[in-house]
Amino acid sequence: DRFNNHKEIISGFQVLINSCAKSDLHHLVKY
């Protein structure tokens, strides 16, 4: 519960460090 907000914030940044899915990249670029 307490780290859920942290996970949402970095969801789009993960693709810059790891070769993960780009599903959240669109939201990051829009923000």
PDB file of all heavy atoms in Angstrom:
ATOM      1  N   ASP A   1       0.819  -1.212   0.000  1.00  0.00           N
ATOM      2  CA  ASP A   1       0.000   0.000   0.000  1.00  0.00           C
ATOM      3  C   ASP A   1       0.854   1.264   0.000  1.00  0.00           C
ATOM      4  O   ASP A   1       0.567   2.222  -0.730  1.00  0.00           O
ATOM      5  CB  ASP A   1      -0.928   0.009   1.221  1.00  0.00           C
ATOM      6  CG  ASP A   1      -1.991  -1.068   1.136  1.00  0.00           C
ATOM      7  OD1 ASP A   1      -2.185  -1.612   0.031  1.00  0.00           O
ATOM      8  OD2 ASP A   1      -2.618  -1.386   2.169  1.00  0.00           O
ATOM      9  N   ARG A   2       1.897   1.290   0.813  1.00  0.00           N
ATOM     10  CA  ARG A   2       2.668   2.522   0.988  1.00  0.00           C
ATOM     11  C   ARG A   2       3.659   2.772  -0.146  1.00  0.00           C
ATOM     12  O   ARG A   2       4.089   3.908  -0.341  1.00  0.00           O
ATOM     13  CB  ARG A   2       3.391   2.488   2.335  1.00  0.00           C
ATOM     14  CG  ARG A   2       2.419   2.498   3.508  1.00  0.00           C
ATOM     15  CD  ARG A   2       3.110   2.706   4.835  1.00  0.00           C
ATOM     16  NE  ARG A   2       2.118   2.754   5.901  1.00  0.00           N
ATOM     17  CZ  ARG A   2       1.427   3.835   6.239  1.00  0.00           C
ATOM     18  NH1 ARG A   2       1.631   4.963   5.586  1.00  0.00           N
ATOM     19  NH2 ARG A   2       0.543   3.796   7.214  1.00  0.00           N
ATOM     20  N   PHE A   3       4.058   1.721  -0.860  1.00  0.00           N
ATOM     21  CA  PHE A   3       5.000   1.918  -1.966  1.00  0.00           C
ATOM     22  C   PHE A   3       4.317   1.787  -3.326  1.00  0.00           C
ATOM     23  O   PHE A   3       5.005   1.746  -4.356  1.00  0.00           O
ATOM     24  CB  PHE A   3       6.155   0.916  -1.864  1.00  0.00           C
ATOM     25  CG  PHE A   3       7.123   1.232  -0.763  1.00  0.00           C
ATOM     26  CD1 PHE A   3       7.039   0.577   0.457  1.00  0.00           C
ATOM     27  CD2 PHE A   3       8.097   2.197  -0.926  1.00  0.00           C
ATOM     28  CE1 PHE A   3       7.918   0.865   1.486  1.00  0.00           C
ATOM     29  CE2 PHE A   3       8.982   2.497   0.095  1.00  0.00           C
ATOM     30  CZ  PHE A   3       8.895   1.826   1.306  1.00  0.00           C
ATOM     31  N   ASN A   4       2.994   1.734  -3.329  1.00  0.00           N
ATOM     32  CA  ASN A   4       2.271   1.629  -4.593  1.00  0.00           C
ATOM     33  C   ASN A   4       2.456   2.887  -5.435  1.00  0.00           C
ATOM     34  O   ASN A   4       2.617   2.826  -6.658  1.00  0.00           O
ATOM     35  CB  ASN A   4       0.781   1.389  -4.312  1.00  0.00           C
ATOM     36  CG  ASN A   4      -0.003   1.148  -5.585  1.00  0.00           C
ATOM     37  OD1 ASN A   4       0.343   0.289  -6.388  1.00  0.00           O
ATOM     38  ND2 ASN A   4      -1.070   1.902  -5.769  1.00  0.00           N
ATOM     39  N   ASN A   5       2.447   4.058  -4.772  1.00  0.00           N
ATOM     40  CA  ASN A   5       2.646   5.316  -5.496  1.00  0.00           C
ATOM     41  C   ASN A   5       4.031   5.390  -6.114  1.00  0.00           C
ATOM     42  O   ASN A   5       4.208   5.884  -7.227  1.00  0.00           O
ATOM     43  CB  ASN A   5       2.431   6.494  -4.542  1.00  0.00           C
ATOM     44  CG  ASN A   5       2.513   7.830  -5.257  1.00  0.00           C
ATOM     45  OD1 ASN A   5       1.945   7.995  -6.325  1.00  0.00           O
ATOM     46  ND2 ASN A   5       3.211   8.782  -4.667  1.00  0.00           N
ATOM     47  N   HIS A   6       5.037   4.892  -5.397  1.00  0.00           N
ATOM     48  CA  HIS A   6       6.402   4.874  -5.938  1.00  0.00           C
ATOM     49  C   HIS A   6       6.476   4.010  -7.200  1.00  0.00           C
ATOM     50  O   HIS A   6       7.142   4.361  -8.175  1.00  0.00           O
ATOM     51  CB  HIS A   6       7.371   4.326  -4.894  1.00  0.00           C
ATOM     52  CG  HIS A   6       7.559   5.229  -3.708  1.00  0.00           C
ATOM     53  ND1 HIS A   6       6.543   5.526  -2.845  1.00  0.00           N
ATOM     54  CD2 HIS A   6       8.654   5.894  -3.246  1.00  0.00           C
ATOM     55  CE1 HIS A   6       6.990   6.327  -1.895  1.00  0.00           C
ATOM     56  NE2 HIS A   6       8.266   6.568  -2.117  1.00  0.00           N
ATOM     57  N   LYS A   7       5.783   2.873  -7.164  1.00  0.00           N
ATOM     58  CA  LYS A   7       5.826   1.968  -8.315  1.00  0.00           C
ATOM     59  C   LYS A   7       5.151   2.598  -9.527  1.00  0.00           C
ATOM     60  O   LYS A   7       5.595   2.408 -10.666  1.00  0.00           O
ATOM     61  CB  LYS A   7       5.137   0.651  -7.948  1.00  0.00           C
ATOM     62  CG  LYS A   7       5.861  -0.139  -6.874  1.00  0.00           C
ATOM     63  CD  LYS A   7       5.105  -1.403  -6.499  1.00  0.00           C
ATOM     64  CE  LYS A   7       5.818  -2.148  -5.380  1.00  0.00           C
ATOM     65  NZ  LYS A   7       5.072  -3.359  -4.963  1.00  0.00           N
ATOM     66  N   GLU A   8       4.084   3.348  -9.296  1.00  0.00           N
ATOM     67  CA  GLU A   8       3.407   4.018 -10.411  1.00  0.00           C
ATOM     68  C   GLU A   8       4.290   5.099 -11.020  1.00  0.00           C
ATOM     69  O   GLU A   8       4.282   5.302 -12.240  1.00  0.00           O
ATOM     70  CB  GLU A   8       2.087   4.624  -9.918  1.00  0.00           C
ATOM     71  CG  GLU A   8       1.033   3.592  -9.528  1.00  0.00           C
ATOM     72  CD  GLU A   8      -0.234   4.232  -9.009  1.00  0.00           C
ATOM     73  OE1 GLU A   8      -0.258   5.485  -8.895  1.00  0.00           O
ATOM     74  OE2 GLU A   8      -1.193   3.504  -8.730  1.00  0.00           O
ATOM     75  N   ILE A   9       5.053   5.785 -10.182  1.00  0.00           N
ATOM     76  CA  ILE A   9       5.905   6.873 -10.681  1.00  0.00           C
ATOM     77  C   ILE A   9       7.005   6.337 -11.594  1.00  0.00           C
ATOM     78  O   ILE A   9       7.295   6.908 -12.647  1.00  0.00           O
ATOM     79  CB  ILE A   9       6.504   7.652  -9.501  1.00  0.00           C
ATOM     80  CG1 ILE A   9       5.399   8.453  -8.775  1.00  0.00           C
ATOM     81  CG2 ILE A   9       7.614   8.599  -9.962  1.00  0.00           C
ATOM     82  CD1 ILE A   9       5.858   9.109  -7.502  1.00  0.00           C
ATOM     83  N   ILE A  10       7.608   5.225 -11.220  1.00  0.00           N
ATOM     84  CA  ILE A  10       8.756   4.709 -11.982  1.00  0.00           C
ATOM     85  C   ILE A  10       8.344   3.729 -13.064  1.00  0.00           C
ATOM     86  O   ILE A  10       9.212   3.183 -13.760  1.00  0.00           O
ATOM     87  CB  ILE A  10       9.770   4.022 -11.049  1.00  0.00           C
ATOM     88  CG1 ILE A  10       9.152   2.740 -10.465  1.00  0.00           C
ATOM     89  CG2 ILE A  10      10.249   4.940  -9.965  1.00  0.00           C
ATOM     90  CD1 ILE A  10      10.160   1.765  -9.970  1.00  0.00           C
ATOM     91  N   SER A  11       7.053   3.477 -13.217  1.00  0.00           N
ATOM     92  CA  SER A  11       6.614   2.466 -14.185  1.00  0.00           C
ATOM     93  C   SER A  11       7.129   2.767 -15.597  1.00  0.00           C
ATOM     94  O   SER A  11       7.532   1.864 -16.334  1.00  0.00           O
ATOM     95  CB  SER A  11       5.085   2.364 -14.180  1.00  0.00           C
ATOM     96  OG  SER A  11       4.508   3.632 -14.475  1.00  0.00           O
ATOM     97  N   GLY A  12       7.130   4.040 -16.012  1.00  0.00           N
ATOM     98  CA  GLY A  12       7.614   4.378 -17.343  1.00  0.00           C
ATOM     99  C   GLY A  12       9.123   4.465 -17.429  1.00  0.00           C
ATOM    100  O   GLY A  12       9.715   4.227 -18.494  1.00  0.00           O
ATOM    101  N   PHE A  13       9.784   4.795 -16.303  1.00  0.00           N
ATOM    102  CA  PHE A  13      11.239   4.924 -16.304  1.00  0.00           C
ATOM    103  C   PHE A  13      11.954   3.580 -16.371  1.00  0.00           C
ATOM    104  O   PHE A  13      13.146   3.531 -16.683  1.00  0.00           O
ATOM    105  CB  PHE A  13      11.699   5.675 -15.044  1.00  0.00           C
ATOM    106  CG  PHE A  13      11.396   7.143 -15.064  1.00  0.00           C
ATOM    107  CD1 PHE A  13      10.397   7.673 -14.260  1.00  0.00           C
ATOM    108  CD2 PHE A  13      12.105   8.005 -15.877  1.00  0.00           C
ATOM    109  CE1 PHE A  13      10.115   9.029 -14.261  1.00  0.00           C
ATOM    110  CE2 PHE A  13      11.835   9.359 -15.896  1.00  0.00           C
ATOM    111  CZ  PHE A  13      10.828   9.881 -15.090  1.00  0.00           C
ATOM    112  N   GLN A  14      11.256   2.495 -16.038  1.00  0.00           N
ATOM    113  CA  GLN A  14      11.903   1.181 -15.990  1.00  0.00           C
ATOM    114  C   GLN A  14      12.522   0.805 -17.333  1.00  0.00           C
ATOM    115  O   GLN A  14      13.563   0.149 -17.382  1.00  0.00           O
ATOM    116  CB  GLN A  14      10.867   0.111 -15.590  1.00  0.00           C
ATOM    117  CG  GLN A  14      10.410   0.176 -14.149  1.00  0.00           C
ATOM    118  CD  GLN A  14      11.375  -0.526 -13.211  1.00  0.00           C
ATOM    119  OE1 GLN A  14      12.507  -0.814 -13.583  1.00  0.00           O
ATOM    120  NE2 GLN A  14      10.926  -0.790 -12.008  1.00  0.00           N
ATOM    121  N   VAL A  15      11.886   1.233 -18.422  1.00  0.00           N
ATOM    122  CA  VAL A  15      12.362   0.851 -19.746  1.00  0.00           C
ATOM    123  C   VAL A  15      13.721   1.477 -20.052  1.00  0.00           C
ATOM    124  O   VAL A  15      14.453   1.005 -20.932  1.00  0.00           O
ATOM    125  CB  VAL A  15      11.314   1.256 -20.809  1.00  0.00           C
ATOM    126  CG1 VAL A  15      11.281   2.763 -20.990  1.00  0.00           C
ATOM    127  CG2 VAL A  15      11.591   0.566 -22.137  1.00  0.00           C
ATOM    128  N   LEU A  16      14.097   2.541 -19.343  1.00  0.00           N
ATOM    129  CA  LEU A  16      15.394   3.187 -19.586  1.00  0.00           C
ATOM    130  C   LEU A  16      16.542   2.400 -18.960  1.00  0.00           C
ATOM    131  O   LEU A  16      17.688   2.535 -19.385  1.00  0.00           O
ATOM    132  CB  LEU A  16      15.381   4.610 -19.004  1.00  0.00           C
ATOM    133  CG  LEU A  16      14.260   5.534 -19.488  1.00  0.00           C
ATOM    134  CD1 LEU A  16      14.368   6.877 -18.784  1.00  0.00           C
ATOM    135  CD2 LEU A  16      14.315   5.706 -20.998  1.00  0.00           C
ATOM    136  N   ILE A  17      16.235   1.598 -17.933  1.00  0.00           N
ATOM    137  CA  ILE A  17      17.274   0.825 -17.241  1.00  0.00           C
ATOM    138  C   ILE A  17      17.272  -0.622 -17.687  1.00  0.00           C
ATOM    139  O   ILE A  17      18.311  -1.222 -17.958  1.00  0.00           O
ATOM    140  CB  ILE A  17      17.072   0.909 -15.709  1.00  0.00           C
ATOM    141  CG1 ILE A  17      16.966   2.366 -15.259  1.00  0.00           C
ATOM    142  CG2 ILE A  17      18.215   0.210 -14.983  1.00  0.00           C
ATOM    143  CD1 ILE A  17      18.195   3.185 -15.490  1.00  0.00           C
ATOM    144  N   ASN A  18      16.072  -1.190 -17.801  1.00  0.00           N
ATOM    145  CA  ASN A  18      15.931  -2.601 -18.166  1.00  0.00           C
ATOM    146  C   ASN A  18      15.199  -2.728 -19.485  1.00  0.00           C
ATOM    147  O   ASN A  18      14.433  -1.852 -19.885  1.00  0.00           O
ATOM    148  CB  ASN A  18      15.157  -3.360 -17.072  1.00  0.00           C
ATOM    149  CG  ASN A  18      15.783  -3.142 -15.704  1.00  0.00           C
ATOM    150  OD1 ASN A  18      16.992  -3.208 -15.548  1.00  0.00           O
ATOM    151  ND2 ASN A  18      14.949  -2.887 -14.698  1.00  0.00           N
ATOM    152  N   SER A  19      15.397  -3.843 -20.140  1.00  0.00           N
ATOM    153  CA  SER A  19      14.715  -4.104 -21.413  1.00  0.00           C
ATOM    154  C   SER A  19      13.338  -4.695 -21.141  1.00  0.00           C
ATOM    155  O   SER A  19      13.049  -5.851 -21.448  1.00  0.00           O
ATOM    156  CB  SER A  19      15.555  -5.067 -22.258  1.00  0.00           C
ATOM    157  OG  SER A  19      16.816  -4.503 -22.537  1.00  0.00           O
ATOM    158  N   CYS A  20      12.478  -3.882 -20.542  1.00  0.00           N
ATOM    159  CA  CYS A  20      11.131  -4.349 -20.212  1.00  0.00           C
ATOM    160  C   CYS A  20      10.133  -3.799 -21.230  1.00  0.00           C
ATOM    161  O   CYS A  20      10.504  -3.114 -22.188  1.00  0.00           O
ATOM    162  CB  CYS A  20      10.747  -3.916 -18.796  1.00  0.00           C
ATOM    163  SG  CYS A  20      10.871  -2.151 -18.504  1.00  0.00           S
ATOM    164  N   ALA A  21       8.865  -4.097 -21.003  1.00  0.00           N
ATOM    165  CA  ALA A  21       7.821  -3.673 -21.943  1.00  0.00           C
ATOM    166  C   ALA A  21       7.693  -2.155 -21.980  1.00  0.00           C
ATOM    167  O   ALA A  21       7.968  -1.463 -21.006  1.00  0.00           O
ATOM    168  CB  ALA A  21       6.494  -4.307 -21.538  1.00  0.00           C
ATOM    169  N   LYS A  22       7.250  -1.649 -23.142  1.00  0.00           N
ATOM    170  CA  LYS A  22       7.131  -0.205 -23.341  1.00  0.00           C
ATOM    171  C   LYS A  22       5.696   0.291 -23.138  1.00  0.00           C
ATOM    172  O   LYS A  22       5.324   1.353 -23.623  1.00  0.00           O
ATOM    173  CB  LYS A  22       7.597   0.169 -24.748  1.00  0.00           C
ATOM    174  CG  LYS A  22       9.001  -0.319 -25.080  1.00  0.00           C
ATOM    175  CD  LYS A  22       9.316  -0.064 -26.533  1.00  0.00           C
ATOM    176  CE  LYS A  22      10.658  -0.671 -26.901  1.00  0.00           C
ATOM    177  NZ  LYS A  22      10.958  -0.522 -28.346  1.00  0.00           N
ATOM    178  N   SER A  23       4.894  -0.482 -22.433  1.00  0.00           N
ATOM    179  CA  SER A  23       3.473  -0.134 -22.306  1.00  0.00           C
ATOM    180  C   SER A  23       3.257   1.188 -21.584  1.00  0.00           C
ATOM    181  O   SER A  23       2.321   1.928 -21.883  1.00  0.00           O
ATOM    182  CB  SER A  23       2.725  -1.255 -21.585  1.00  0.00           C
ATOM    183  OG  SER A  23       3.331  -1.527 -20.326  1.00  0.00           O
ATOM    184  N   ASP A  24       4.119   1.487 -20.582  1.00  0.00           N
ATOM    185  CA  ASP A  24       3.950   2.721 -19.805  1.00  0.00           C
ATOM    186  C   ASP A  24       4.770   3.884 -20.354  1.00  0.00           C
ATOM    187  O   ASP A  24       4.743   4.975 -19.782  1.00  0.00           O
ATOM    188  CB  ASP A  24       4.367   2.473 -18.347  1.00  0.00           C
ATOM    189  CG  ASP A  24       3.475   1.438 -17.676  1.00  0.00           C
ATOM    190  OD1 ASP A  24       2.255   1.514 -17.871  1.00  0.00           O
ATOM    191  OD2 ASP A  24       4.011   0.565 -16.965  1.00  0.00           O
ATOM    192  N   LEU A  25       5.489   3.666 -21.449  1.00  0.00           N
ATOM    193  CA  LEU A  25       6.338   4.717 -21.989  1.00  0.00           C
ATOM    194  C   LEU A  25       5.501   5.859 -22.567  1.00  0.00           C
ATOM    195  O   LEU A  25       5.901   7.026 -22.469  1.00  0.00           O
ATOM    196  CB  LEU A  25       7.257   4.137 -23.065  1.00  0.00           C
ATOM    197  CG  LEU A  25       8.299   5.087 -23.660  1.00  0.00           C
ATOM    198  CD1 LEU A  25       9.230   5.603 -22.570  1.00  0.00           C
ATOM    199  CD2 LEU A  25       9.094   4.388 -24.759  1.00  0.00           C
ATOM    200  N   HIS A  26       4.364   5.548 -23.113  1.00  0.00           N
ATOM    201  CA  HIS A  26       3.514   6.583 -23.716  1.00  0.00           C
ATOM    202  C   HIS A  26       3.055   7.581 -22.643  1.00  0.00           C
ATOM    203  O   HIS A  26       3.069   8.803 -22.863  1.00  0.00           O
ATOM    204  CB  HIS A  26       2.310   5.930 -24.405  1.00  0.00           C
ATOM    205  CG  HIS A  26       1.482   6.893 -25.200  1.00  0.00           C
ATOM    206  ND1 HIS A  26       0.463   7.662 -24.635  1.00  0.00           N
ATOM    207  CD2 HIS A  26       1.534   7.241 -26.513  1.00  0.00           C
ATOM    208  CE1 HIS A  26      -0.070   8.414 -25.550  1.00  0.00           C
ATOM    209  NE2 HIS A  26       0.538   8.189 -26.717  1.00  0.00           N
ATOM    210  N   HIS A  27       2.659   7.075 -21.483  1.00  0.00           N
ATOM    211  CA  HIS A  27       2.230   7.953 -20.402  1.00  0.00           C
ATOM    212  C   HIS A  27       3.388   8.828 -19.916  1.00  0.00           C
ATOM    213  O   HIS A  27       3.204  10.013 -19.604  1.00  0.00           O
ATOM    214  CB  HIS A  27       1.686   7.115 -19.246  1.00  0.00           C
ATOM    215  CG  HIS A  27       1.318   7.926 -18.041  1.00  0.00           C
ATOM    216  ND1 HIS A  27       0.210   8.749 -17.988  1.00  0.00           N
ATOM    217  CD2 HIS A  27       1.951   8.064 -16.832  1.00  0.00           C
ATOM    218  CE1 HIS A  27       0.153   9.351 -16.805  1.00  0.00           C
ATOM    219  NE2 HIS A  27       1.192   8.956 -16.088  1.00  0.00           N
ATOM    220  N   LEU A  28       4.594   8.259 -19.851  1.00  0.00           N
ATOM    221  CA  LEU A  28       5.774   9.004 -19.406  1.00  0.00           C
ATOM    222  C   LEU A  28       6.091  10.144 -20.369  1.00  0.00           C
ATOM    223  O   LEU A  28       6.360  11.277 -19.950  1.00  0.00           O
ATOM    224  CB  LEU A  28       6.970   8.059 -19.281  1.00  0.00           C
ATOM    225  CG  LEU A  28       8.285   8.674 -18.804  1.00  0.00           C
ATOM    226  CD1 LEU A  28       8.168   9.100 -17.345  1.00  0.00           C
ATOM    227  CD2 LEU A  28       9.441   7.696 -18.976  1.00  0.00           C
ATOM    228  N   VAL A  29       6.054   9.856 -21.670  1.00  0.00           N
ATOM    229  CA  VAL A  29       6.353  10.876 -22.677  1.00  0.00           C
ATOM    230  C   VAL A  29       5.297  11.974 -22.655  1.00  0.00           C
ATOM    231  O   VAL A  29       5.614  13.165 -22.792  1.00  0.00           O
ATOM    232  CB  VAL A  29       6.443  10.230 -24.073  1.00  0.00           C
ATOM    233  CG1 VAL A  29       6.586  11.301 -25.152  1.00  0.00           C
ATOM    234  CG2 VAL A  29       7.617   9.263 -24.132  1.00  0.00           C
ATOM    235  N   LYS A  30       4.054  11.592 -22.462  1.00  0.00           N
ATOM    236  CA  LYS A  30       2.977  12.588 -22.409  1.00  0.00           C
ATOM    237  C   LYS A  30       3.127  13.501 -21.191  1.00  0.00           C
ATOM    238  O   LYS A  30       2.877  14.702 -21.260  1.00  0.00           O
ATOM    239  CB  LYS A  30       1.627  11.872 -22.372  1.00  0.00           C
ATOM    240  CG  LYS A  30       0.443  12.823 -22.409  1.00  0.00           C
ATOM    241  CD  LYS A  30      -0.879  12.053 -22.409  1.00  0.00           C
ATOM    242  CE  LYS A  30      -2.058  13.013 -22.440  1.00  0.00           C
ATOM    243  NZ  LYS A  30      -3.364  12.268 -22.423  1.00  0.00           N
ATOM    244  N   TYR A  31       3.558  12.926 -20.059  1.00  0.00           N
ATOM    245  CA  TYR A  31       3.704  13.712 -18.837  1.00  0.00           C
ATOM    246  C   TYR A  31       4.849  14.718 -18.953  1.00  0.00           C
ATOM    247  O   TYR A  31       4.744  15.864 -18.514  1.00  0.00           O
ATOM    248  CB  TYR A  31       3.946  12.771 -17.655  1.00  0.00           C
ATOM    249  CG  TYR A  31       3.868  13.450 -16.307  1.00  0.00           C
ATOM    250  CD1 TYR A  31       2.638  13.716 -15.708  1.00  0.00           C
ATOM    251  CD2 TYR A  31       5.021  13.831 -15.634  1.00  0.00           C
ATOM    252  CE1 TYR A  31       2.562  14.339 -14.480  1.00  0.00           C
ATOM    253  CE2 TYR A  31       4.953  14.455 -14.402  1.00  0.00           C
ATOM    254  CZ  TYR A  31       3.718  14.700 -13.827  1.00  0.00           C
ATOM    255  OH  TYR A  31       3.640  15.332 -12.617  1.00  0.00           O
TER     256      TYR A  31
END
